[in-house]
């Protein structure tokens, strides 16, 4: 699994845990729905840490909590 895929999967899982849909997350994060949609649909190939932090703020979690997940410990090295 690639990093971007893991980020999307983690966001989906956290939204499910918090009973949020993508519109609610975008609103809580104070970000345009189009930005979140681009991340979630794979149009953004390399989501930046600032964007992930904004998403974390919307989910009311820290960056540390976001990345403390098995998805990120099992990533393969990416060389493109």
PDB file of N, CA and C in Angstrom:
ATOM      1  N   UNK A   1       0.841  -1.170   0.000  1.00  0.00           N
ATOM      2  CA  UNK A   1       0.000   0.000   0.000  1.00  0.00           C
ATOM      3  C   UNK A   1       0.892   1.241   0.000  1.00  0.00           C
ATOM      4  N   UNK A   2       0.482   2.231  -0.762  1.00  0.00           N
ATOM      5  CA  UNK A   2       1.223   3.490  -0.836  1.00  0.00           C
ATOM      6  C   UNK A   2       0.760   4.431   0.270  1.00  0.00           C
ATOM      7  N   UNK A   3       1.591   5.417   0.560  1.00  0.00           N
ATOM      8  CA  UNK A   3       1.309   6.360   1.639  1.00  0.00           C
ATOM      9  C   UNK A   3      -0.039   7.051   1.424  1.00  0.00           C
ATOM     10  N   UNK A   4      -0.280   7.548   0.230  1.00  0.00           N
ATOM     11  CA  UNK A   4      -1.527   8.272  -0.040  1.00  0.00           C
ATOM     12  C   UNK A   4      -2.743   7.378   0.189  1.00  0.00           C
ATOM     13  N   UNK A   5      -2.640   6.121  -0.198  1.00  0.00           N
ATOM     14  CA  UNK A   5      -3.744   5.175   0.034  1.00  0.00           C
ATOM     15  C   UNK A   5      -3.976   4.987   1.537  1.00  0.00           C
ATOM     16  N   UNK A   6      -2.902   4.914   2.301  1.00  0.00           N
ATOM     17  CA  UNK A   6      -3.004   4.755   3.753  1.00  0.00           C
ATOM     18  C   UNK A   6      -3.651   5.986   4.386  1.00  0.00           C
ATOM     19  N   UNK A   7      -3.298   7.176   3.910  1.00  0.00           N
ATOM     20  CA  UNK A   7      -3.880   8.418   4.423  1.00  0.00           C
ATOM     21  C   UNK A   7      -5.392   8.410   4.193  1.00  0.00           C
ATOM     22  N   UNK A   8      -5.809   8.074   2.987  1.00  0.00           N
ATOM     23  CA  UNK A   8      -7.236   8.047   2.653  1.00  0.00           C
ATOM     24  C   UNK A   8      -7.968   7.012   3.504  1.00  0.00           C
ATOM     25  N   UNK A   9      -7.391   5.840   3.623  1.00  0.00           N
ATOM     26  CA  UNK A   9      -8.004   4.782   4.428  1.00  0.00           C
ATOM     27  C   UNK A   9      -8.139   5.212   5.883  1.00  0.00           C
ATOM     28  N   UNK A  10      -7.105   5.864   6.408  1.00  0.00           N
ATOM     29  CA  UNK A  10      -7.127   6.315   7.797  1.00  0.00           C
ATOM     30  C   UNK A  10      -8.212   7.368   8.005  1.00  0.00           C
ATOM     31  N   UNK A  11      -8.340   8.304   7.087  1.00  0.00           N
ATOM     32  CA  UNK A  11      -9.388   9.327   7.189  1.00  0.00           C
ATOM     33  C   UNK A  11     -10.761   8.668   7.171  1.00  0.00           C
ATOM     34  N   UNK A  12     -10.965   7.738   6.258  1.00  0.00           N
ATOM     35  CA  UNK A  12     -12.260   7.037   6.185  1.00  0.00           C
ATOM     36  C   UNK A  12     -12.569   6.302   7.489  1.00  0.00           C
ATOM     37  N   UNK A  13     -11.572   5.603   8.018  1.00  0.00           N
ATOM     38  CA  UNK A  13     -11.777   4.856   9.265  1.00  0.00           C
ATOM     39  C   UNK A  13     -12.104   5.788  10.431  1.00  0.00           C
ATOM     40  N   UNK A  14     -11.383   6.899  10.515  1.00  0.00           N
ATOM     41  CA  UNK A  14     -11.632   7.847  11.602  1.00  0.00           C
ATOM     42  C   UNK A  14     -13.012   8.489  11.477  1.00  0.00           C
ATOM     43  N   UNK A  15     -13.416   8.804  10.270  1.00  0.00           N
ATOM     44  CA  UNK A  15     -14.757   9.369  10.057  1.00  0.00           C
ATOM     45  C   UNK A  15     -15.826   8.364  10.473  1.00  0.00           C
ATOM     46  N   UNK A  16     -15.621   7.123  10.123  1.00  0.00           N
ATOM     47  CA  UNK A  16     -16.573   6.069  10.512  1.00  0.00           C
ATOM     48  C   UNK A  16     -16.650   5.970  12.040  1.00  0.00           C
ATOM     49  N   UNK A  17     -15.476   5.971  12.696  1.00  0.00           N
ATOM     50  CA  UNK A  17     -15.441   5.901  14.164  1.00  0.00           C
ATOM     51  C   UNK A  17     -16.171   7.074  14.807  1.00  0.00           C
ATOM     52  N   UNK A  18     -16.103   8.236  14.181  1.00  0.00           N
ATOM     53  CA  UNK A  18     -16.688   9.451  14.749  1.00  0.00           C
ATOM     54  C   UNK A  18     -18.058   9.764  14.149  1.00  0.00           C
ATOM     55  N   UNK A  19     -18.576   8.835  13.338  1.00  0.00           N
ATOM     56  CA  UNK A  19     -19.883   9.005  12.696  1.00  0.00           C
ATOM     57  C   UNK A  19     -19.983  10.328  11.937  1.00  0.00           C
ATOM     58  N   UNK A  20     -18.945  10.597  11.146  1.00  0.00           N
ATOM     59  CA  UNK A  20     -18.908  11.820  10.337  1.00  0.00           C
ATOM     60  C   UNK A  20     -18.890  11.447   8.863  1.00  0.00           C
ATOM     61  N   UNK A  21     -19.538  12.265   8.061  1.00  0.00           N
ATOM     62  CA  UNK A  21     -19.375  12.098   6.621  1.00  0.00           C
ATOM     63  C   UNK A  21     -18.360  13.135   6.137  1.00  0.00           C
ATOM     64  N   UNK A  22     -18.017  13.086   4.884  1.00  0.00           N
ATOM     65  CA  UNK A  22     -16.976  13.969   4.347  1.00  0.00           C
ATOM     66  C   UNK A  22     -17.381  15.440   4.401  1.00  0.00           C
ATOM     67  N   UNK A  23     -18.646  15.726   4.204  1.00  0.00           N
ATOM     68  CA  UNK A  23     -19.110  17.120   4.285  1.00  0.00           C
ATOM     69  C   UNK A  23     -18.941  17.654   5.701  1.00  0.00           C
ATOM     70  N   UNK A  24     -19.283  16.836   6.682  1.00  0.00           N
ATOM     71  CA  UNK A  24     -19.126  17.245   8.079  1.00  0.00           C
ATOM     72  C   UNK A  24     -17.652  17.458   8.424  1.00  0.00           C
ATOM     73  N   UNK A  25     -16.803  16.560   7.935  1.00  0.00           N
ATOM     74  CA  UNK A  25     -15.373  16.703   8.196  1.00  0.00           C
ATOM     75  C   UNK A  25     -14.838  17.987   7.582  1.00  0.00           C
ATOM     76  N   UNK A  26     -15.192  18.257   6.342  1.00  0.00           N
ATOM     77  CA  UNK A  26     -14.729  19.486   5.682  1.00  0.00           C
ATOM     78  C   UNK A  26     -15.179  20.708   6.478  1.00  0.00           C
ATOM     79  N   UNK A  27     -16.412  20.704   6.939  1.00  0.00           N
ATOM     80  CA  UNK A  27     -16.932  21.828   7.722  1.00  0.00           C
ATOM     81  C   UNK A  27     -16.164  21.980   9.036  1.00  0.00           C
ATOM     82  N   UNK A  28     -15.996  20.880   9.766  1.00  0.00           N
ATOM     83  CA  UNK A  28     -15.296  20.930  11.059  1.00  0.00           C
ATOM     84  C   UNK A  28     -13.831  21.322  10.896  1.00  0.00           C
ATOM     85  N   UNK A  29     -13.243  20.933   9.772  1.00  0.00           N
ATOM     86  CA  UNK A  29     -11.841  21.251   9.515  1.00  0.00           C
ATOM     87  C   UNK A  29     -11.680  22.662   8.952  1.00  0.00           C
ATOM     88  N   UNK A  30     -12.781  23.265   8.520  1.00  0.00           N
ATOM     89  CA  UNK A  30     -12.710  24.600   7.934  1.00  0.00           C
ATOM     90  C   UNK A  30     -12.001  24.605   6.601  1.00  0.00           C
ATOM     91  N   UNK A  31     -12.209  23.531   5.838  1.00  0.00           N
ATOM     92  CA  UNK A  31     -11.552  23.441   4.536  1.00  0.00           C
ATOM     93  C   UNK A  31     -12.617  23.269   3.454  1.00  0.00           C
ATOM     94  N   UNK A  32     -12.309  23.692   2.241  1.00  0.00           N
ATOM     95  CA  UNK A  32     -13.268  23.509   1.151  1.00  0.00           C
ATOM     96  C   UNK A  32     -13.554  22.025   0.917  1.00  0.00           C
ATOM     97  N   UNK A  33     -14.813  21.704   0.673  1.00  0.00           N
ATOM     98  CA  UNK A  33     -15.169  20.312   0.372  1.00  0.00           C
ATOM     99  C   UNK A  33     -14.394  19.796  -0.829  1.00  0.00           C
ATOM    100  N   UNK A  34     -14.111  20.690  -1.781  1.00  0.00           N
ATOM    101  CA  UNK A  34     -13.385  20.270  -2.981  1.00  0.00           C
ATOM    102  C   UNK A  34     -11.970  19.793  -2.646  1.00  0.00           C
ATOM    103  N   UNK A  35     -11.332  20.418  -1.662  1.00  0.00           N
ATOM    104  CA  UNK A  35      -9.987  20.008  -1.255  1.00  0.00           C
ATOM    105  C   UNK A  35     -10.031  18.609  -0.657  1.00  0.00           C
ATOM    106  N   UNK A  36     -10.971  18.392   0.254  1.00  0.00           N
ATOM    107  CA  UNK A  36     -11.102  17.078   0.875  1.00  0.00           C
ATOM    108  C   UNK A  36     -11.479  16.031  -0.167  1.00  0.00           C
ATOM    109  N   UNK A  37     -12.357  16.394  -1.077  1.00  0.00           N
ATOM    110  CA  UNK A  37     -12.758  15.473  -2.142  1.00  0.00           C
ATOM    111  C   UNK A  37     -11.555  15.077  -3.003  1.00  0.00           C
ATOM    112  N   UNK A  38     -10.682  16.037  -3.311  1.00  0.00           N
ATOM    113  CA  UNK A  38      -9.482  15.742  -4.093  1.00  0.00           C
ATOM    114  C   UNK A  38      -8.562  14.760  -3.365  1.00  0.00           C
ATOM    115  N   UNK A  39      -8.438  14.930  -2.049  1.00  0.00           N
ATOM    116  CA  UNK A  39      -7.626  14.008  -1.259  1.00  0.00           C
ATOM    117  C   UNK A  39      -8.249  12.613  -1.300  1.00  0.00           C
ATOM    118  N   UNK A  40      -9.537  12.545  -1.030  1.00  0.00           N
ATOM    119  CA  UNK A  40     -10.216  11.260  -0.886  1.00  0.00           C
ATOM    120  C   UNK A  40     -10.375  10.510  -2.208  1.00  0.00           C
ATOM    121  N   UNK A  41     -10.473  11.231  -3.306  1.00  0.00           N
ATOM    122  CA  UNK A  41     -10.659  10.594  -4.621  1.00  0.00           C
ATOM    123  C   UNK A  41      -9.354  10.292  -5.339  1.00  0.00           C
ATOM    124  N   UNK A  42      -8.232  10.629  -4.694  1.00  0.00           N
ATOM    125  CA  UNK A  42      -6.943  10.333  -5.305  1.00  0.00           C
ATOM    126  C   UNK A  42      -6.467  11.363  -6.296  1.00  0.00           C
ATOM    127  N   UNK A  43      -7.174  12.483  -6.409  1.00  0.00           N
ATOM    128  CA  UNK A  43      -6.721  13.548  -7.309  1.00  0.00           C
ATOM    129  C   UNK A  43      -5.495  14.252  -6.745  1.00  0.00           C
ATOM    130  N   UNK A  44      -5.335  14.183  -5.434  1.00  0.00           N
ATOM    131  CA  UNK A  44      -4.155  14.719  -4.761  1.00  0.00           C
ATOM    132  C   UNK A  44      -3.218  13.535  -4.529  1.00  0.00           C
ATOM    133  N   UNK A  45      -2.136  13.486  -5.247  1.00  0.00           N
ATOM    134  CA  UNK A  45      -1.233  12.328  -5.189  1.00  0.00           C
ATOM    135  C   UNK A  45      -0.310  12.342  -3.979  1.00  0.00           C
ATOM    136  N   UNK A  46      -0.152  13.523  -3.360  1.00  0.00           N
ATOM    137  CA  UNK A  46       0.771  13.641  -2.239  1.00  0.00           C
ATOM    138  C   UNK A  46       0.220  14.677  -1.264  1.00  0.00           C
ATOM    139  N   UNK A  47      -0.687  14.251  -0.408  1.00  0.00           N
ATOM    140  CA  UNK A  47      -1.308  15.169   0.539  1.00  0.00           C
ATOM    141  C   UNK A  47      -0.262  15.671   1.526  1.00  0.00           C
ATOM    142  N   UNK A  48      -0.144  16.972   1.639  1.00  0.00           N
ATOM    143  CA  UNK A  48       0.862  17.579   2.505  1.00  0.00           C
ATOM    144  C   UNK A  48       0.499  17.471   3.980  1.00  0.00           C
ATOM    145  N   UNK A  49       1.506  17.603   4.809  1.00  0.00           N
ATOM    146  CA  UNK A  49       1.332  17.480   6.247  1.00  0.00           C
ATOM    147  C   UNK A  49       0.431  18.577   6.799  1.00  0.00           C
ATOM    148  N   UNK A  50       0.462  19.766   6.211  1.00  0.00           N
ATOM    149  CA  UNK A  50      -0.407  20.853   6.671  1.00  0.00           C
ATOM    150  C   UNK A  50      -1.868  20.487   6.424  1.00  0.00           C
ATOM    151  N   UNK A  51      -2.157  19.919   5.278  1.00  0.00           N
ATOM    152  CA  UNK A  51      -3.521  19.485   4.973  1.00  0.00           C
ATOM    153  C   UNK A  51      -3.953  18.372   5.920  1.00  0.00           C
ATOM    154  N   UNK A  52      -3.064  17.433   6.189  1.00  0.00           N
ATOM    155  CA  UNK A  52      -3.391  16.351   7.126  1.00  0.00           C
ATOM    156  C   UNK A  52      -3.645  16.925   8.516  1.00  0.00           C
ATOM    157  N   UNK A  53      -2.860  17.938   8.934  1.00  0.00           N
ATOM    158  CA  UNK A  53      -3.062  18.578  10.232  1.00  0.00           C
ATOM    159  C   UNK A  53      -4.429  19.238  10.298  1.00  0.00           C
ATOM    160  N   UNK A  54      -4.840  19.899   9.245  1.00  0.00           N
ATOM    161  CA  UNK A  54      -6.158  20.545   9.200  1.00  0.00           C
ATOM    162  C   UNK A  54      -7.255  19.487   9.323  1.00  0.00           C
ATOM    163  N   UNK A  55      -7.079  18.374   8.643  1.00  0.00           N
ATOM    164  CA  UNK A  55      -8.041  17.268   8.731  1.00  0.00           C
ATOM    165  C   UNK A  55      -8.072  16.725  10.164  1.00  0.00           C
ATOM    166  N   UNK A  56      -6.898  16.580  10.769  1.00  0.00           N
ATOM    167  CA  UNK A  56      -6.828  16.121  12.167  1.00  0.00           C
ATOM    168  C   UNK A  56      -7.564  17.076  13.091  1.00  0.00           C
ATOM    169  N   UNK A  57      -7.407  18.373  12.864  1.00  0.00           N
ATOM    170  CA  UNK A  57      -8.127  19.357  13.672  1.00  0.00           C
ATOM    171  C   UNK A  57      -9.638  19.151  13.548  1.00  0.00           C
ATOM    172  N   UNK A  58     -10.095  18.881  12.338  1.00  0.00           N
ATOM    173  CA  UNK A  58     -11.517  18.626  12.113  1.00  0.00           C
ATOM    174  C   UNK A  58     -11.999  17.348  12.787  1.00  0.00           C
ATOM    175  N   UNK A  59     -11.093  16.393  12.919  1.00  0.00           N
ATOM    176  CA  UNK A  59     -11.424  15.130  13.590  1.00  0.00           C
ATOM    177  C   UNK A  59     -11.180  15.204  15.091  1.00  0.00           C
ATOM    178  N   UNK A  60     -10.639  16.317  15.547  1.00  0.00           N
ATOM    179  CA  UNK A  60     -10.302  16.545  16.951  1.00  0.00           C
ATOM    180  C   UNK A  60      -9.299  15.515  17.470  1.00  0.00           C
ATOM    181  N   UNK A  61      -8.257  15.279  16.657  1.00  0.00           N
ATOM    182  CA  UNK A  61      -7.166  14.389  17.054  1.00  0.00           C
ATOM    183  C   UNK A  61      -5.840  15.067  16.717  1.00  0.00           C
ATOM    184  N   UNK A  62      -4.759  14.555  17.274  1.00  0.00           N
ATOM    185  CA  UNK A  62      -3.433  15.085  16.978  1.00  0.00           C
ATOM    186  C   UNK A  62      -2.839  14.356  15.768  1.00  0.00           C
ATOM    187  N   UNK A  63      -1.795  14.951  15.207  1.00  0.00           N
ATOM    188  CA  UNK A  63      -1.071  14.273  14.131  1.00  0.00           C
ATOM    189  C   UNK A  63      -0.520  12.941  14.618  1.00  0.00           C
ATOM    190  N   UNK A  64      -0.047  12.928  15.849  1.00  0.00           N
ATOM    191  CA  UNK A  64       0.482  11.707  16.443  1.00  0.00           C
ATOM    192  C   UNK A  64      -0.583  10.610  16.440  1.00  0.00           C
ATOM    193  N   UNK A  65      -1.792  10.956  16.857  1.00  0.00           N
ATOM    194  CA  UNK A  65      -2.886   9.977  16.858  1.00  0.00           C
ATOM    195  C   UNK A  65      -3.204   9.503  15.440  1.00  0.00           C
ATOM    196  N   UNK A  66      -3.150  10.430  14.492  1.00  0.00           N
ATOM    197  CA  UNK A  66      -3.453  10.074  13.106  1.00  0.00           C
ATOM    198  C   UNK A  66      -2.485   9.006  12.598  1.00  0.00           C
ATOM    199  N   UNK A  67      -1.198   9.213  12.862  1.00  0.00           N
ATOM    200  CA  UNK A  67      -0.190   8.304  12.320  1.00  0.00           C
ATOM    201  C   UNK A  67       0.078   7.083  13.195  1.00  0.00           C
ATOM    202  N   UNK A  68      -0.474   7.041  14.400  1.00  0.00           N
ATOM    203  CA  UNK A  68      -0.324   5.850  15.237  1.00  0.00           C
ATOM    204  C   UNK A  68      -1.352   4.821  14.804  1.00  0.00           C
ATOM    205  N   UNK A  69      -1.032   4.181  13.720  1.00  0.00           N
ATOM    206  CA  UNK A  69      -1.955   3.242  13.112  1.00  0.00           C
ATOM    207  C   UNK A  69      -1.138   2.207  12.351  1.00  0.00           C
ATOM    208  N   UNK A  70      -1.573   0.992  12.398  1.00  0.00           N
ATOM    209  CA  UNK A  70      -0.871  -0.103  11.726  1.00  0.00           C
ATOM    210  C   UNK A  70      -0.694   0.158  10.220  1.00  0.00           C
ATOM    211  N   UNK A  71      -1.616   0.889   9.636  1.00  0.00           N
ATOM    212  CA  UNK A  71      -1.507   1.215   8.206  1.00  0.00           C
ATOM    213  C   UNK A  71      -0.160   1.843   7.876  1.00  0.00           C
ATOM    214  N   UNK A  72       0.326   2.692   8.774  1.00  0.00           N
ATOM    215  CA  UNK A  72       1.559   3.430   8.500  1.00  0.00           C
ATOM    216  C   UNK A  72       2.816   2.658   8.886  1.00  0.00           C
ATOM    217  N   UNK A  73       2.690   1.689   9.772  1.00  0.00           N
ATOM    218  CA  UNK A  73       3.871   0.905  10.150  1.00  0.00           C
ATOM    219  C   UNK A  73       4.183  -0.176   9.126  1.00  0.00           C
ATOM    220  N   UNK A  74       3.228  -0.491   8.283  1.00  0.00           N
ATOM    221  CA  UNK A  74       3.411  -1.562   7.299  1.00  0.00           C
ATOM    222  C   UNK A  74       3.693  -1.050   5.887  1.00  0.00           C
ATOM    223  N   UNK A  75       3.905   0.245   5.736  1.00  0.00           N
ATOM    224  CA  UNK A  75       4.126   0.815   4.400  1.00  0.00           C
ATOM    225  C   UNK A  75       5.435   0.333   3.792  1.00  0.00           C
ATOM    226  N   UNK A  76       5.380   0.132   2.504  1.00  0.00           N
ATOM    227  CA  UNK A  76       6.594  -0.227   1.757  1.00  0.00           C
ATOM    228  C   UNK A  76       7.303   1.069   1.359  1.00  0.00           C
ATOM    229  N   UNK A  77       8.590   0.961   1.112  1.00  0.00           N
ATOM    230  CA  UNK A  77       9.357   2.111   0.640  1.00  0.00           C
ATOM    231  C   UNK A  77       8.868   2.485  -0.749  1.00  0.00           C
ATOM    232  N   UNK A  78       8.687   3.773  -0.969  1.00  0.00           N
ATOM    233  CA  UNK A  78       8.231   4.267  -2.272  1.00  0.00           C
ATOM    234  C   UNK A  78       9.364   5.001  -2.962  1.00  0.00           C
ATOM    235  N   UNK A  79       9.704   4.538  -4.126  1.00  0.00           N
ATOM    236  CA  UNK A  79      10.707   5.203  -4.960  1.00  0.00           C
ATOM    237  C   UNK A  79      10.072   5.386  -6.331  1.00  0.00           C
ATOM    238  N   UNK A  80       9.772   6.631  -6.653  1.00  0.00           N
ATOM    239  CA  UNK A  80       9.140   6.917  -7.957  1.00  0.00           C
ATOM    240  C   UNK A  80       9.972   7.886  -8.740  1.00  0.00           C
TER     241      UNK A  80
END
